C-alpha cells in the first residue's frame, strides 16, 4: 500500500509527494515513529543549527502518515524541552 510520510521540524514542513510502499498502515506508522530520532540527530549537526536549537525552550519534530487521498491517518511527535535553571542565590 502506498503511504506518504510528511515531516514537520519546527516551522519547516517537508511533504512526501512520492510516497512509499508499505505492507499496511501499521508498518507505515512504525516507519514514521522510527524516523523521528534520526531527524532529531540531524538537527544537532553543525554549530549553527545546534546554537539555534539551544536558543529555543522547546522543539517539536512530527511525522504524519497520509493515504493517497491526502487524509492524515497517523501523527507522531517528538518534543525536546530545554530549560536553563536560574543560578541559586547564595
PDB file of N, CA and C in Angstrom:
ATOM      1  N   UNK A   1       0.839  -1.176   0.000  1.00  0.00           N
ATOM      2  CA  UNK A   1       0.000   0.000   0.000  1.00  0.00           C
ATOM      3  C   UNK A   1       0.888   1.244   0.000  1.00  0.00           C
ATOM      4  N   UNK A   2       0.457   2.254  -0.695  1.00  0.00           N
ATOM      5  CA  UNK A   2       1.229   3.489  -0.793  1.00  0.00           C
ATOM      6  C   UNK A   2       0.798   4.462   0.300  1.00  0.00           C
ATOM      7  N   UNK A   3       1.791   4.937   1.077  1.00  0.00           N
ATOM      8  CA  UNK A   3       1.550   5.940   2.107  1.00  0.00           C
ATOM      9  C   UNK A   3       2.591   7.036   1.957  1.00  0.00           C
ATOM     10  N   UNK A   4       2.240   8.222   2.411  1.00  0.00           N
ATOM     11  CA  UNK A   4       3.144   9.373   2.384  1.00  0.00           C
ATOM     12  C   UNK A   4       3.480   9.730   3.831  1.00  0.00           C
ATOM     13  N   UNK A   5       4.754   9.999   4.091  1.00  0.00           N
ATOM     14  CA  UNK A   5       5.182  10.418   5.432  1.00  0.00           C
ATOM     15  C   UNK A   5       5.738  11.834   5.320  1.00  0.00           C
ATOM     16  N   UNK A   6       4.985  12.791   5.829  1.00  0.00           N
ATOM     17  CA  UNK A   6       5.409  14.188   5.860  1.00  0.00           C
ATOM     18  C   UNK A   6       6.112  14.448   7.179  1.00  0.00           C
ATOM     19  N   UNK A   7       7.079  15.350   7.168  1.00  0.00           N
ATOM     20  CA  UNK A   7       7.844  15.671   8.373  1.00  0.00           C
ATOM     21  C   UNK A   7       7.758  17.161   8.640  1.00  0.00           C
ATOM     22  N   UNK A   8       7.481  17.507   9.885  1.00  0.00           N
ATOM     23  CA  UNK A   8       7.486  18.905  10.322  1.00  0.00           C
ATOM     24  C   UNK A   8       8.569  19.047  11.382  1.00  0.00           C
ATOM     25  N   UNK A   9       9.538  19.909  11.099  1.00  0.00           N
ATOM     26  CA  UNK A   9      10.636  20.177  12.028  1.00  0.00           C
ATOM     27  C   UNK A   9      10.583  21.661  12.330  1.00  0.00           C
ATOM     28  N   UNK A  10       9.931  22.008  13.443  1.00  0.00           N
ATOM     29  CA  UNK A  10       9.709  23.416  13.741  1.00  0.00           C
ATOM     30  C   UNK A  10       8.771  23.989  12.696  1.00  0.00           C
ATOM     31  N   UNK A  11       9.205  25.059  12.040  1.00  0.00           N
ATOM     32  CA  UNK A  11       8.393  25.701  11.007  1.00  0.00           C
ATOM     33  C   UNK A  11       8.616  25.113   9.614  1.00  0.00           C
ATOM     34  N   UNK A  12       9.550  24.178   9.507  1.00  0.00           N
ATOM     35  CA  UNK A  12       9.880  23.608   8.202  1.00  0.00           C
ATOM     36  C   UNK A  12       9.088  22.315   8.000  1.00  0.00           C
ATOM     37  N   UNK A  13       8.286  22.282   6.948  1.00  0.00           N
ATOM     38  CA  UNK A  13       7.495  21.094   6.638  1.00  0.00           C
ATOM     39  C   UNK A  13       8.005  20.505   5.332  1.00  0.00           C
ATOM     40  N   UNK A  14       8.341  19.224   5.383  1.00  0.00           N
ATOM     41  CA  UNK A  14       8.790  18.505   4.201  1.00  0.00           C
ATOM     42  C   UNK A  14       7.686  17.524   3.817  1.00  0.00           C
ATOM     43  N   UNK A  15       7.104  17.770   2.670  1.00  0.00           N
ATOM     44  CA  UNK A  15       5.974  16.962   2.205  1.00  0.00           C
ATOM     45  C   UNK A  15       6.475  15.833   1.314  1.00  0.00           C
ATOM     46  N   UNK A  16       6.013  14.636   1.582  1.00  0.00           N
ATOM     47  CA  UNK A  16       6.374  13.454   0.794  1.00  0.00           C
ATOM     48  C   UNK A  16       5.383  13.330  -0.357  1.00  0.00           C
ATOM     49  N   UNK A  17       5.770  13.802  -1.526  1.00  0.00           N
ATOM     50  CA  UNK A  17       4.878  13.759  -2.685  1.00  0.00           C
ATOM     51  C   UNK A  17       4.902  12.412  -3.400  1.00  0.00           C
ATOM     52  N   UNK A  18       5.997  11.664  -3.242  1.00  0.00           N
ATOM     53  CA  UNK A  18       6.129  10.390  -3.954  1.00  0.00           C
ATOM     54  C   UNK A  18       5.485   9.227  -3.212  1.00  0.00           C
ATOM     55  N   UNK A  19       5.639   9.209  -1.897  1.00  0.00           N
ATOM     56  CA  UNK A  19       5.105   8.105  -1.105  1.00  0.00           C
ATOM     57  C   UNK A  19       6.022   6.901  -1.100  1.00  0.00           C
ATOM     58  N   UNK A  20       5.712   5.980  -0.214  1.00  0.00           N
ATOM     59  CA  UNK A  20       6.472   4.738  -0.076  1.00  0.00           C
ATOM     60  C   UNK A  20       5.496   3.578   0.035  1.00  0.00           C
ATOM     61  N   UNK A  21       5.926   2.427  -0.443  1.00  0.00           N
ATOM     62  CA  UNK A  21       5.101   1.222  -0.341  1.00  0.00           C
ATOM     63  C   UNK A  21       5.346   0.553   1.014  1.00  0.00           C
ATOM     64  N   UNK A  22       4.272   0.265   1.714  1.00  0.00           N
ATOM     65  CA  UNK A  22       4.326  -0.459   2.979  1.00  0.00           C
ATOM     66  C   UNK A  22       3.340  -1.609   2.914  1.00  0.00           C
ATOM     67  N   UNK A  23       3.574  -2.611   3.742  1.00  0.00           N
ATOM     68  CA  UNK A  23       2.678  -3.762   3.793  1.00  0.00           C
ATOM     69  C   UNK A  23       1.281  -3.340   4.228  1.00  0.00           C
ATOM     70  N   UNK A  24       1.244  -2.472   5.267  1.00  0.00           N
ATOM     71  CA  UNK A  24      -0.043  -1.980   5.774  1.00  0.00           C
ATOM     72  C   UNK A  24       0.179  -0.676   6.535  1.00  0.00           C
ATOM     73  N   UNK A  25      -0.893  -0.137   7.098  1.00  0.00           N
ATOM     74  CA  UNK A  25      -0.808   1.124   7.838  1.00  0.00           C
ATOM     75  C   UNK A  25       0.096   0.996   9.057  1.00  0.00           C
ATOM     76  N   UNK A  26       0.057  -0.120   9.756  1.00  0.00           N
ATOM     77  CA  UNK A  26       0.903  -0.297  10.943  1.00  0.00           C
ATOM     78  C   UNK A  26       2.380  -0.188  10.601  1.00  0.00           C
ATOM     79  N   UNK A  27       2.770  -0.763   9.467  1.00  0.00           N
ATOM     80  CA  UNK A  27       4.174  -0.683   9.048  1.00  0.00           C
ATOM     81  C   UNK A  27       4.551   0.760   8.717  1.00  0.00           C
ATOM     82  N   UNK A  28       3.652   1.499   8.070  1.00  0.00           N
ATOM     83  CA  UNK A  28       3.913   2.906   7.746  1.00  0.00           C
ATOM     84  C   UNK A  28       4.034   3.737   9.023  1.00  0.00           C
ATOM     85  N   UNK A  29       3.180   3.465  10.007  1.00  0.00           N
ATOM     86  CA  UNK A  29       3.224   4.196  11.279  1.00  0.00           C
ATOM     87  C   UNK A  29       4.517   3.909  12.025  1.00  0.00           C
ATOM     88  N   UNK A  30       4.947   2.658  12.028  1.00  0.00           N
ATOM     89  CA  UNK A  30       6.213   2.296  12.682  1.00  0.00           C
ATOM     90  C   UNK A  30       7.382   3.004  12.014  1.00  0.00           C
ATOM     91  N   UNK A  31       7.341   3.134  10.694  1.00  0.00           N
ATOM     92  CA  UNK A  31       8.401   3.846   9.975  1.00  0.00           C
ATOM     93  C   UNK A  31       8.411   5.320  10.359  1.00  0.00           C
ATOM     94  N   UNK A  32       7.234   5.904  10.514  1.00  0.00           N
ATOM     95  CA  UNK A  32       7.142   7.315  10.911  1.00  0.00           C
ATOM     96  C   UNK A  32       7.722   7.531  12.302  1.00  0.00           C
ATOM     97  N   UNK A  33       7.410   6.629  13.221  1.00  0.00           N
ATOM     98  CA  UNK A  33       7.935   6.749  14.593  1.00  0.00           C
ATOM     99  C   UNK A  33       9.452   6.606  14.607  1.00  0.00           C
ATOM    100  N   UNK A  34       9.983   5.645  13.865  1.00  0.00           N
ATOM    101  CA  UNK A  34      11.438   5.429  13.875  1.00  0.00           C
ATOM    102  C   UNK A  34      12.185   6.544  13.149  1.00  0.00           C
ATOM    103  N   UNK A  35      11.497   7.295  12.328  1.00  0.00           N
ATOM    104  CA  UNK A  35      12.113   8.413  11.605  1.00  0.00           C
ATOM    105  C   UNK A  35      12.455   9.587  12.529  1.00  0.00           C
ATOM    106  N   UNK A  36      11.679   9.792  13.573  1.00  0.00           N
ATOM    107  CA  UNK A  36      11.850  10.973  14.430  1.00  0.00           C
ATOM    108  C   UNK A  36      13.218  11.062  15.115  1.00  0.00           C
ATOM    109  N   UNK A  37      13.738   9.990  15.725  1.00  0.00           N
ATOM    110  CA  UNK A  37      15.079  10.118  16.331  1.00  0.00           C
ATOM    111  C   UNK A  37      16.165  10.446  15.319  1.00  0.00           C
ATOM    112  N   UNK A  38      16.037   9.913  14.099  1.00  0.00           N
ATOM    113  CA  UNK A  38      17.014  10.234  13.058  1.00  0.00           C
ATOM    114  C   UNK A  38      16.986  11.718  12.721  1.00  0.00           C
ATOM    115  N   UNK A  39      15.802  12.263  12.613  1.00  0.00           N
ATOM    116  CA  UNK A  39      15.670  13.694  12.298  1.00  0.00           C
ATOM    117  C   UNK A  39      16.218  14.537  13.441  1.00  0.00           C
ATOM    118  N   UNK A  40      15.960  14.119  14.676  1.00  0.00           N
ATOM    119  CA  UNK A  40      16.479  14.853  15.841  1.00  0.00           C
ATOM    120  C   UNK A  40      18.004  14.853  15.846  1.00  0.00           C
ATOM    121  N   UNK A  41      18.626  13.728  15.514  1.00  0.00           N
ATOM    122  CA  UNK A  41      20.094  13.669  15.449  1.00  0.00           C
ATOM    123  C   UNK A  41      20.619  14.622  14.381  1.00  0.00           C
ATOM    124  N   UNK A  42      19.986  14.636  13.227  1.00  0.00           N
ATOM    125  CA  UNK A  42      20.415  15.531  12.147  1.00  0.00           C
ATOM    126  C   UNK A  42      20.275  16.996  12.553  1.00  0.00           C
ATOM    127  N   UNK A  43      19.272  17.303  13.361  1.00  0.00           N
ATOM    128  CA  UNK A  43      19.036  18.691  13.786  1.00  0.00           C
ATOM    129  C   UNK A  43      20.167  19.205  14.668  1.00  0.00           C
ATOM    130  N   UNK A  44      20.918  18.313  15.291  1.00  0.00           N
ATOM    131  CA  UNK A  44      22.005  18.721  16.175  1.00  0.00           C
ATOM    132  C   UNK A  44      23.344  18.869  15.453  1.00  0.00           C
ATOM    133  N   UNK A  45      23.415  18.483  14.192  1.00  0.00           N
ATOM    134  CA  UNK A  45      24.686  18.561  13.463  1.00  0.00           C
ATOM    135  C   UNK A  45      24.959  19.991  13.021  1.00  0.00           C
ATOM    136  N   UNK A  46      26.199  20.358  13.130  1.00  0.00           N
ATOM    137  CA  UNK A  46      26.612  21.696  12.696  1.00  0.00           C
ATOM    138  C   UNK A  46      26.439  22.708  13.809  1.00  0.00           C
ATOM    139  N   UNK A  47      27.461  23.555  14.038  1.00  0.00           N
ATOM    140  CA  UNK A  47      27.418  24.501  15.153  1.00  0.00           C
ATOM    141  C   UNK A  47      26.282  25.516  15.050  1.00  0.00           C
ATOM    142  N   UNK A  48      25.944  25.955  13.843  1.00  0.00           N
ATOM    143  CA  UNK A  48      24.869  26.937  13.698  1.00  0.00           C
ATOM    144  C   UNK A  48      23.521  26.343  14.072  1.00  0.00           C
ATOM    145  N   UNK A  49      23.252  25.156  13.579  1.00  0.00           N
ATOM    146  CA  UNK A  49      21.970  24.506  13.863  1.00  0.00           C
ATOM    147  C   UNK A  49      21.855  24.200  15.346  1.00  0.00           C
ATOM    148  N   UNK A  50      22.938  23.725  15.943  1.00  0.00           N
ATOM    149  CA  UNK A  50      22.922  23.399  17.369  1.00  0.00           C
ATOM    150  C   UNK A  50      22.717  24.664  18.196  1.00  0.00           C
ATOM    151  N   UNK A  51      23.407  25.758  17.831  1.00  0.00           N
ATOM    152  CA  UNK A  51      23.262  27.013  18.568  1.00  0.00           C
ATOM    153  C   UNK A  51      21.837  27.536  18.471  1.00  0.00           C
ATOM    154  N   UNK A  52      21.245  27.470  17.285  1.00  0.00           N
ATOM    155  CA  UNK A  52      19.861  27.932  17.114  1.00  0.00           C
ATOM    156  C   UNK A  52      18.908  27.076  17.928  1.00  0.00           C
ATOM    157  N   UNK A  53      19.165  25.785  17.956  1.00  0.00           N
ATOM    158  CA  UNK A  53      18.297  24.894  18.713  1.00  0.00           C
ATOM    159  C   UNK A  53      18.378  25.187  20.210  1.00  0.00           C
ATOM    160  N   UNK A  54      19.571  25.501  20.697  1.00  0.00           N
ATOM    161  CA  UNK A  54      19.753  25.746  22.122  1.00  0.00           C
ATOM    162  C   UNK A  54      19.132  27.071  22.560  1.00  0.00           C
ATOM    163  N   UNK A  55      18.817  27.952  21.623  1.00  0.00           N
ATOM    164  CA  UNK A  55      18.161  29.208  21.965  1.00  0.00           C
ATOM    165  C   UNK A  55      16.684  28.985  22.289  1.00  0.00           C
ATOM    166  N   UNK A  56      16.127  27.931  21.763  1.00  0.00           N
ATOM    167  CA  UNK A  56      14.701  27.650  21.959  1.00  0.00           C
ATOM    168  C   UNK A  56      14.475  27.002  23.319  1.00  0.00           C
ATOM    169  N   UNK A  57      13.263  27.081  23.800  1.00  0.00           N
ATOM    170  CA  UNK A  57      12.920  26.393  25.038  1.00  0.00           C
ATOM    171  C   UNK A  57      12.321  25.028  24.755  1.00  0.00           C
ATOM    172  N   UNK A  58      11.744  24.890  23.582  1.00  0.00           N
ATOM    173  CA  UNK A  58      11.213  23.593  23.190  1.00  0.00           C
ATOM    174  C   UNK A  58      11.244  23.477  21.675  1.00  0.00           C
ATOM    175  N   UNK A  59      11.237  22.245  21.236  1.00  0.00           N
ATOM    176  CA  UNK A  59      11.260  21.986  19.803  1.00  0.00           C
ATOM    177  C   UNK A  59      10.433  20.735  19.539  1.00  0.00           C
ATOM    178  N   UNK A  60       9.642  20.803  18.482  1.00  0.00           N
ATOM    179  CA  UNK A  60       8.817  19.678  18.085  1.00  0.00           C
ATOM    180  C   UNK A  60       9.257  19.174  16.719  1.00  0.00           C
ATOM    181  N   UNK A  61       9.307  17.871  16.604  1.00  0.00           N
ATOM    182  CA  UNK A  61       9.510  17.234  15.316  1.00  0.00           C
ATOM    183  C   UNK A  61       8.365  16.239  15.166  1.00  0.00           C
ATOM    184  N   UNK A  62       7.653  16.321  14.066  1.00  0.00           N
ATOM    185  CA  UNK A  62       6.486  15.459  13.877  1.00  0.00           C
ATOM    186  C   UNK A  62       6.554  14.748  12.535  1.00  0.00           C
ATOM    187  N   UNK A  63       5.910  13.594  12.481  1.00  0.00           N
ATOM    188  CA  UNK A  63       5.750  12.857  11.234  1.00  0.00           C
ATOM    189  C   UNK A  63       4.275  12.512  11.090  1.00  0.00           C
ATOM    190  N   UNK A  64       3.757  12.721   9.891  1.00  0.00           N
ATOM    191  CA  UNK A  64       2.353  12.443   9.604  1.00  0.00           C
ATOM    192  C   UNK A  64       2.273  11.425   8.479  1.00  0.00           C
ATOM    193  N   UNK A  65       1.453  10.417   8.672  1.00  0.00           N
ATOM    194  CA  UNK A  65       1.240   9.413   7.634  1.00  0.00           C
ATOM    195  C   UNK A  65      -0.072   9.738   6.933  1.00  0.00           C
ATOM    196  N   UNK A  66       0.008   9.894   5.601  1.00  0.00           N
ATOM    197  CA  UNK A  66      -1.175  10.187   4.788  1.00  0.00           C
ATOM    198  C   UNK A  66      -1.432   9.059   3.807  1.00  0.00           C
ATOM    199  N   UNK A  67      -2.710   8.890   3.468  1.00  0.00           N
ATOM    200  CA  UNK A  67      -3.045   7.948   2.404  1.00  0.00           C
ATOM    201  C   UNK A  67      -2.943   8.657   1.057  1.00  0.00           C
ATOM    202  N   UNK A  68      -3.247   7.937  -0.013  1.00  0.00           N
ATOM    203  CA  UNK A  68      -3.125   8.521  -1.360  1.00  0.00           C
ATOM    204  C   UNK A  68      -4.082   9.687  -1.590  1.00  0.00           C
ATOM    205  N   UNK A  69      -5.187   9.720  -0.850  1.00  0.00           N
ATOM    206  CA  UNK A  69      -6.154  10.817  -0.984  1.00  0.00           C
ATOM    207  C   UNK A  69      -5.739  12.043  -0.189  1.00  0.00           C
ATOM    208  N   UNK A  70      -4.671  11.911   0.610  1.00  0.00           N
ATOM    209  CA  UNK A  70      -4.186  13.046   1.392  1.00  0.00           C
ATOM    210  C   UNK A  70      -4.721  13.115   2.803  1.00  0.00           C
ATOM    211  N   UNK A  71      -5.489  12.119   3.224  1.00  0.00           N
ATOM    212  CA  UNK A  71      -6.030  12.102   4.591  1.00  0.00           C
ATOM    213  C   UNK A  71      -4.949  11.679   5.583  1.00  0.00           C
ATOM    214  N   UNK A  72      -4.816  12.430   6.661  1.00  0.00           N
ATOM    215  CA  UNK A  72      -3.854  12.077   7.706  1.00  0.00           C
ATOM    216  C   UNK A  72      -4.444  10.933   8.519  1.00  0.00           C
ATOM    217  N   UNK A  73      -3.703   9.818   8.551  1.00  0.00           N
ATOM    218  CA  UNK A  73      -4.160   8.615   9.241  1.00  0.00           C
ATOM    219  C   UNK A  73      -3.454   8.413  10.575  1.00  0.00           C
ATOM    220  N   UNK A  74      -2.293   9.053  10.725  1.00  0.00           N
ATOM    221  CA  UNK A  74      -1.484   8.855  11.931  1.00  0.00           C
ATOM    222  C   UNK A  74      -0.556  10.046  12.085  1.00  0.00           C
ATOM    223  N   UNK A  75      -0.330  10.437  13.334  1.00  0.00           N
ATOM    224  CA  UNK A  75       0.598  11.533  13.629  1.00  0.00           C
ATOM    225  C   UNK A  75       1.413  11.140  14.852  1.00  0.00           C
ATOM    226  N   UNK A  76       2.720  11.360  14.777  1.00  0.00           N
ATOM    227  CA  UNK A  76       3.597  11.128  15.915  1.00  0.00           C
ATOM    228  C   UNK A  76       4.469  12.364  16.092  1.00  0.00           C
ATOM    229  N   UNK A  77       4.797  12.661  17.342  1.00  0.00           N
ATOM    230  CA  UNK A  77       5.554  13.881  17.604  1.00  0.00           C
ATOM    231  C   UNK A  77       6.600  13.615  18.687  1.00  0.00           C
ATOM    232  N   UNK A  78       7.765  14.177  18.466  1.00  0.00           N
ATOM    233  CA  UNK A  78       8.864  14.107  19.425  1.00  0.00           C
ATOM    234  C   UNK A  78       9.082  15.521  19.936  1.00  0.00           C
ATOM    235  N   UNK A  79       9.101  15.675  21.238  1.00  0.00           N
ATOM    236  CA  UNK A  79       9.249  17.003  21.831  1.00  0.00           C
ATOM    237  C   UNK A  79      10.524  17.039  22.676  1.00  0.00           C
ATOM    238  N   UNK A  80      11.298  18.067  22.451  1.00  0.00           N
ATOM    239  CA  UNK A  80      12.520  18.283  23.217  1.00  0.00           C
ATOM    240  C   UNK A  80      12.342  19.558  24.022  1.00  0.00           C
ATOM    241  N   UNK A  81      12.353  19.437  25.336  1.00  0.00           N
ATOM    242  CA  UNK A  81      12.257  20.592  26.230  1.00  0.00           C
ATOM    243  C   UNK A  81      13.645  20.945  26.731  1.00  0.00           C
ATOM    244  N   UNK A  82      13.938  22.239  26.731  1.00  0.00           N
ATOM    245  CA  UNK A  82      15.225  22.709  27.241  1.00  0.00           C
ATOM    246  C   UNK A  82      14.971  23.775  28.299  1.00  0.00           C
ATOM    247  N   UNK A  83      15.651  23.640  29.386  1.00  0.00           N
ATOM    248  CA  UNK A  83      15.444  24.580  30.493  1.00  0.00           C
ATOM    249  C   UNK A  83      16.797  25.016  31.041  1.00  0.00           C
ATOM    250  N   UNK A  84      16.926  26.294  31.239  1.00  0.00           N
ATOM    251  CA  UNK A  84      18.136  26.860  31.823  1.00  0.00           C
ATOM    252  C   UNK A  84      17.770  27.292  33.242  1.00  0.00           C
ATOM    253  N   UNK A  85      18.051  26.446  34.247  1.00  0.00           N
ATOM    254  CA  UNK A  85      17.680  26.814  35.626  1.00  0.00           C
ATOM    255  C   UNK A  85      18.409  28.076  36.081  1.00  0.00           C
ATOM    256  N   UNK A  86      17.738  28.808  36.930  1.00  0.00           N
ATOM    257  CA  UNK A  86      18.361  30.003  37.499  1.00  0.00           C
ATOM    258  C   UNK A  86      19.460  29.553  38.447  1.00  0.00           C
ATOM    259  N   UNK A  87      20.487  30.385  38.524  1.00  0.00           N
ATOM    260  CA  UNK A  87      21.566  30.073  39.461  1.00  0.00           C
ATOM    261  C   UNK A  87      21.052  30.252  40.867  1.00  0.00           C
ATOM    262  N   UNK A  88      21.430  29.344  41.756  1.00  0.00           N
ATOM    263  CA  UNK A  88      20.956  29.501  43.147  1.00  0.00           C
ATOM    264  C   UNK A  88      21.544  30.757  43.787  1.00  0.00           C
ATOM    265  N   UNK A  89      20.708  31.414  44.527  1.00  0.00           N
ATOM    266  CA  UNK A  89      21.174  32.609  45.226  1.00  0.00           C
ATOM    267  C   UNK A  89      21.920  32.191  46.470  1.00  0.00           C
ATOM    268  N   UNK A  90      23.034  32.816  46.694  1.00  0.00           N
ATOM    269  CA  UNK A  90      23.867  32.481  47.876  1.00  0.00           C
ATOM    270  C   UNK A  90      23.600  33.410  49.015  1.00  0.00           C
TER     271      UNK A  90
END
